[in-house]
Amino acid sequence: MKTILKPSAVLAALLALLAGHAPGALAQSAPQISKGQQFFQKVCAKCHETGIGPVITGRGLPEATYVYMARHGLNAMPAFRVTDIDDATLQELAKYLSATQPKP
């Protein structure tokens, strides 16, 4: 005997999947990004990807340089306090920036 799925059953299954009732099904396909990369995209890119500040990705600088510049600032770059970005996230940000490749 052939099983026929009703459109409502298919829709209900899809909604359950999207609502998280099937854990891991969607998470496997979504790329994971670090807190540092998230911070860059949310805060740093507003200046450093729009031409306001210098390009800081793909420079090949050591992580310590990024940490120092973020904490102390330079010229128009503000100094970010621990209340702005915690040490762990700043270290992840520096690691992310050090690993980025230059854009062609």
N, C-alpha and C. Protein backbone atom coordinates (compact mmCIF):
# COMPACT_ATOMS: atom_id res chain seq x y z
N MET A 1 0.84 -1.17 0.00
CA MET A 1 0.00 0.00 0.00
C MET A 1 0.88 1.24 0.00
N LYS A 2 0.56 2.21 -0.77
CA LYS A 2 1.33 3.43 -0.94
C LYS A 2 0.91 4.45 0.12
N THR A 3 1.91 5.08 0.79
CA THR A 3 1.62 6.09 1.80
C THR A 3 1.61 7.46 1.14
N ILE A 4 0.54 8.20 1.39
CA ILE A 4 0.43 9.55 0.85
C ILE A 4 0.45 10.52 2.01
N LEU A 5 1.37 11.46 1.96
CA LEU A 5 1.47 12.47 3.01
C LEU A 5 0.56 13.64 2.67
N LYS A 6 -0.18 14.06 3.64
CA LYS A 6 -1.03 15.23 3.46
C LYS A 6 -0.15 16.48 3.53
N PRO A 7 -0.47 17.49 2.73
CA PRO A 7 0.32 18.73 2.78
C PRO A 7 0.40 19.32 4.19
N SER A 8 -0.65 19.19 4.97
CA SER A 8 -0.62 19.73 6.33
C SER A 8 0.37 18.99 7.20
N ALA A 9 0.55 17.68 6.99
CA ALA A 9 1.51 16.91 7.76
C ALA A 9 2.95 17.31 7.40
N VAL A 10 3.16 17.53 6.12
CA VAL A 10 4.48 17.96 5.66
C VAL A 10 4.80 19.35 6.22
N LEU A 11 3.83 20.25 6.19
CA LEU A 11 4.02 21.58 6.73
C LEU A 11 4.29 21.54 8.22
N ALA A 12 3.55 20.71 8.95
CA ALA A 12 3.76 20.58 10.39
C ALA A 12 5.15 20.06 10.70
N ALA A 13 5.62 19.09 9.93
CA ALA A 13 6.97 18.55 10.14
C ALA A 13 8.03 19.60 9.86
N LEU A 14 7.83 20.38 8.81
CA LEU A 14 8.78 21.44 8.47
C LEU A 14 8.80 22.52 9.55
N LEU A 15 7.65 22.91 10.03
CA LEU A 15 7.59 23.91 11.09
C LEU A 15 8.25 23.41 12.37
N ALA A 16 8.04 22.14 12.69
CA ALA A 16 8.69 21.56 13.88
C ALA A 16 10.20 21.58 13.73
N LEU A 17 10.67 21.29 12.53
CA LEU A 17 12.11 21.32 12.27
C LEU A 17 12.66 22.73 12.44
N LEU A 18 11.97 23.70 11.87
CA LEU A 18 12.42 25.09 11.96
C LEU A 18 12.31 25.64 13.37
N ALA A 19 11.38 25.14 14.16
CA ALA A 19 11.19 25.62 15.52
C ALA A 19 12.21 25.04 16.48
N GLY A 20 13.03 24.13 16.00
CA GLY A 20 14.07 23.57 16.87
C GLY A 20 13.69 22.27 17.53
N HIS A 21 12.59 21.68 17.11
CA HIS A 21 12.19 20.41 17.69
C HIS A 21 13.02 19.25 17.16
N ALA A 22 13.81 19.51 16.17
CA ALA A 22 14.74 18.52 15.64
C ALA A 22 16.13 19.11 15.78
N PRO A 23 16.70 19.07 17.02
CA PRO A 23 17.97 19.75 17.27
C PRO A 23 19.09 19.25 16.38
N GLY A 24 19.88 20.22 15.92
CA GLY A 24 21.06 19.88 15.13
C GLY A 24 20.80 19.77 13.65
N ALA A 25 19.55 19.65 13.23
CA ALA A 25 19.26 19.47 11.81
C ALA A 25 19.69 20.69 11.01
N LEU A 26 19.38 21.88 11.50
CA LEU A 26 19.78 23.09 10.80
C LEU A 26 21.15 23.57 11.21
N ALA A 27 21.55 23.29 12.42
CA ALA A 27 22.83 23.77 12.93
C ALA A 27 24.00 23.19 12.16
N GLN A 28 23.85 22.00 11.61
CA GLN A 28 24.94 21.38 10.88
C GLN A 28 25.25 22.12 9.60
N SER A 29 24.26 22.76 8.99
CA SER A 29 24.51 23.43 7.73
C SER A 29 24.92 24.90 7.92
N ALA A 30 24.66 25.45 9.09
CA ALA A 30 25.00 26.85 9.34
C ALA A 30 26.46 26.96 9.77
N PRO A 31 27.23 27.84 9.11
CA PRO A 31 28.63 28.00 9.52
C PRO A 31 28.72 28.67 10.88
N GLN A 32 29.65 28.24 11.68
CA GLN A 32 29.86 28.80 13.01
C GLN A 32 30.93 29.89 12.91
N ILE A 33 30.63 31.04 13.50
CA ILE A 33 31.63 32.10 13.52
C ILE A 33 31.94 32.43 14.97
N SER A 34 33.17 32.84 15.21
CA SER A 34 33.62 33.12 16.58
C SER A 34 33.03 34.41 17.10
N LYS A 35 33.11 34.57 18.42
CA LYS A 35 32.67 35.83 19.03
C LYS A 35 33.49 36.99 18.50
N GLY A 36 34.76 36.74 18.22
CA GLY A 36 35.62 37.78 17.68
C GLY A 36 35.17 38.24 16.31
N GLN A 37 34.82 37.29 15.45
CA GLN A 37 34.34 37.65 14.12
C GLN A 37 32.99 38.35 14.22
N GLN A 38 32.14 37.90 15.12
CA GLN A 38 30.85 38.56 15.33
C GLN A 38 31.06 40.01 15.77
N PHE A 39 32.00 40.23 16.70
CA PHE A 39 32.29 41.58 17.17
C PHE A 39 32.81 42.45 16.03
N PHE A 40 33.70 41.88 15.21
CA PHE A 40 34.22 42.63 14.07
C PHE A 40 33.09 43.06 13.16
N GLN A 41 32.20 42.12 12.81
CA GLN A 41 31.11 42.44 11.90
C GLN A 41 30.13 43.45 12.49
N LYS A 42 29.91 43.37 13.80
CA LYS A 42 28.94 44.24 14.45
C LYS A 42 29.50 45.63 14.76
N VAL A 43 30.78 45.70 15.15
CA VAL A 43 31.35 46.97 15.62
C VAL A 43 32.44 47.50 14.69
N CYS A 44 33.48 46.73 14.51
CA CYS A 44 34.67 47.21 13.80
C CYS A 44 34.42 47.51 12.33
N ALA A 45 33.63 46.65 11.68
CA ALA A 45 33.41 46.80 10.24
C ALA A 45 32.73 48.12 9.88
N LYS A 46 32.03 48.72 10.83
CA LYS A 46 31.35 49.99 10.55
C LYS A 46 32.34 51.06 10.10
N CYS A 47 33.55 50.99 10.59
CA CYS A 47 34.59 51.94 10.16
C CYS A 47 35.61 51.29 9.24
N HIS A 48 36.06 50.08 9.61
CA HIS A 48 37.18 49.47 8.91
C HIS A 48 36.80 48.77 7.60
N GLU A 49 35.52 48.67 7.30
CA GLU A 49 35.09 48.10 6.02
C GLU A 49 34.38 49.13 5.16
N THR A 50 34.30 50.36 5.63
CA THR A 50 33.58 51.39 4.89
C THR A 50 34.48 52.55 4.45
N GLY A 51 35.77 52.45 4.72
CA GLY A 51 36.69 53.50 4.30
C GLY A 51 36.90 54.61 5.31
N ILE A 52 36.22 54.54 6.45
CA ILE A 52 36.43 55.55 7.49
C ILE A 52 37.76 55.30 8.19
N GLY A 53 37.99 54.04 8.56
CA GLY A 53 39.25 53.64 9.17
C GLY A 53 40.04 52.79 8.18
N PRO A 54 41.29 52.52 8.49
CA PRO A 54 42.10 51.70 7.57
C PRO A 54 41.62 50.25 7.56
N VAL A 55 41.92 49.57 6.48
CA VAL A 55 41.61 48.15 6.39
C VAL A 55 42.48 47.42 7.41
N ILE A 56 41.84 46.58 8.23
CA ILE A 56 42.62 45.86 9.25
C ILE A 56 42.60 44.35 9.03
N THR A 57 41.88 43.91 8.02
CA THR A 57 41.89 42.48 7.70
C THR A 57 42.97 42.21 6.66
N GLY A 58 43.51 41.01 6.70
CA GLY A 58 44.49 40.61 5.70
C GLY A 58 45.82 41.34 5.79
N ARG A 59 46.12 41.91 6.94
CA ARG A 59 47.37 42.67 7.08
C ARG A 59 48.53 41.81 7.57
N GLY A 60 48.23 40.62 8.11
CA GLY A 60 49.28 39.75 8.60
C GLY A 60 49.93 40.23 9.89
N LEU A 61 49.22 41.06 10.63
CA LEU A 61 49.76 41.59 11.89
C LEU A 61 49.59 40.56 13.01
N PRO A 62 50.49 40.58 13.99
CA PRO A 62 50.35 39.66 15.12
C PRO A 62 49.14 40.03 15.98
N GLU A 63 48.60 39.04 16.66
CA GLU A 63 47.44 39.24 17.53
C GLU A 63 47.67 40.35 18.54
N ALA A 64 48.87 40.43 19.10
CA ALA A 64 49.18 41.43 20.13
C ALA A 64 48.99 42.86 19.61
N THR A 65 49.23 43.07 18.34
CA THR A 65 49.06 44.41 17.76
C THR A 65 47.59 44.82 17.79
N TYR A 66 46.71 43.90 17.42
CA TYR A 66 45.28 44.19 17.43
C TYR A 66 44.78 44.43 18.86
N VAL A 67 45.26 43.63 19.79
CA VAL A 67 44.85 43.80 21.20
C VAL A 67 45.30 45.17 21.70
N TYR A 68 46.55 45.53 21.45
CA TYR A 68 47.08 46.81 21.90
C TYR A 68 46.29 47.97 21.30
N MET A 69 46.07 47.94 19.98
CA MET A 69 45.37 49.03 19.31
C MET A 69 43.94 49.18 19.83
N ALA A 70 43.29 48.06 20.08
CA ALA A 70 41.91 48.12 20.58
C ALA A 70 41.85 48.70 22.00
N ARG A 71 42.80 48.35 22.82
CA ARG A 71 42.79 48.82 24.21
C ARG A 71 43.29 50.26 24.35
N HIS A 72 44.20 50.70 23.47
CA HIS A 72 44.81 52.02 23.61
C HIS A 72 44.35 53.03 22.57
N GLY A 73 43.83 52.57 21.45
CA GLY A 73 43.38 53.47 20.40
C GLY A 73 44.55 54.17 19.72
N LEU A 74 44.25 54.91 18.66
CA LEU A 74 45.26 55.69 17.95
C LEU A 74 44.53 56.64 17.01
N ASN A 75 44.90 57.90 17.06
CA ASN A 75 44.26 58.93 16.24
C ASN A 75 42.74 58.90 16.46
N ALA A 76 41.96 58.65 15.42
CA ALA A 76 40.50 58.65 15.55
C ALA A 76 39.96 57.34 16.11
N MET A 77 40.80 56.32 16.18
CA MET A 77 40.37 55.02 16.73
C MET A 77 40.25 55.15 18.24
N PRO A 78 39.06 54.89 18.78
CA PRO A 78 38.90 54.99 20.24
C PRO A 78 39.54 53.81 20.96
N ALA A 79 39.85 54.00 22.21
CA ALA A 79 40.31 52.90 23.06
C ALA A 79 39.07 52.18 23.58
N PHE A 80 39.05 50.87 23.42
CA PHE A 80 37.92 50.08 23.89
C PHE A 80 38.23 49.54 25.29
N ARG A 81 37.36 49.89 26.24
CA ARG A 81 37.52 49.43 27.62
C ARG A 81 37.07 47.98 27.75
N VAL A 82 37.38 47.38 28.88
CA VAL A 82 36.94 46.01 29.15
C VAL A 82 35.42 45.94 29.17
N THR A 83 34.77 47.03 29.54
CA THR A 83 33.32 47.05 29.52
C THR A 83 32.76 47.15 28.10
N ASP A 84 33.60 47.54 27.13
CA ASP A 84 33.19 47.58 25.72
C ASP A 84 33.38 46.22 25.05
N ILE A 85 34.51 45.60 25.34
CA ILE A 85 34.83 44.27 24.81
C ILE A 85 35.68 43.56 25.86
N ASP A 86 35.20 42.41 26.31
CA ASP A 86 35.95 41.70 27.36
C ASP A 86 37.22 41.08 26.77
N ASP A 87 38.14 40.72 27.66
CA ASP A 87 39.46 40.21 27.22
C ASP A 87 39.34 38.98 26.34
N ALA A 88 38.44 38.05 26.68
CA ALA A 88 38.31 36.81 25.90
C ALA A 88 37.83 37.11 24.48
N THR A 89 36.84 37.99 24.35
CA THR A 89 36.33 38.34 23.03
C THR A 89 37.38 39.13 22.24
N LEU A 90 38.11 40.00 22.92
CA LEU A 90 39.17 40.76 22.26
C LEU A 90 40.25 39.82 21.73
N GLN A 91 40.59 38.80 22.50
CA GLN A 91 41.59 37.83 22.05
C GLN A 91 41.07 37.06 20.83
N GLU A 92 39.80 36.69 20.84
CA GLU A 92 39.21 36.01 19.68
C GLU A 92 39.16 36.93 18.47
N LEU A 93 38.89 38.21 18.70
CA LEU A 93 38.90 39.19 17.62
C LEU A 93 40.30 39.29 17.02
N ALA A 94 41.30 39.39 17.87
CA ALA A 94 42.68 39.49 17.40
C ALA A 94 43.09 38.24 16.62
N LYS A 95 42.68 37.09 17.12
CA LYS A 95 42.99 35.82 16.44
C LYS A 95 42.33 35.79 15.06
N TYR A 96 41.07 36.21 15.01
CA TYR A 96 40.35 36.26 13.73
C TYR A 96 41.05 37.20 12.75
N LEU A 97 41.37 38.42 13.21
CA LEU A 97 41.99 39.40 12.31
C LEU A 97 43.36 38.95 11.84
N SER A 98 44.13 38.32 12.71
CA SER A 98 45.47 37.84 12.32
C SER A 98 45.40 36.75 11.26
N ALA A 99 44.31 36.00 11.27
CA ALA A 99 44.17 34.87 10.35
C ALA A 99 43.52 35.25 9.02
N THR A 100 42.98 36.47 8.90
CA THR A 100 42.30 36.84 7.66
C THR A 100 43.31 37.00 6.53
N GLN A 101 42.83 36.71 5.34
CA GLN A 101 43.67 36.81 4.15
C GLN A 101 43.39 38.13 3.43
N PRO A 102 44.37 38.67 2.73
CA PRO A 102 44.13 39.91 1.99
C PRO A 102 43.08 39.69 0.90
N LYS A 103 42.29 40.73 0.65
CA LYS A 103 41.30 40.65 -0.42
C LYS A 103 42.00 40.88 -1.74
N PRO A 104 41.58 40.16 -2.77
CA PRO A 104 42.24 40.32 -4.08
C PRO A 104 42.01 41.69 -4.69
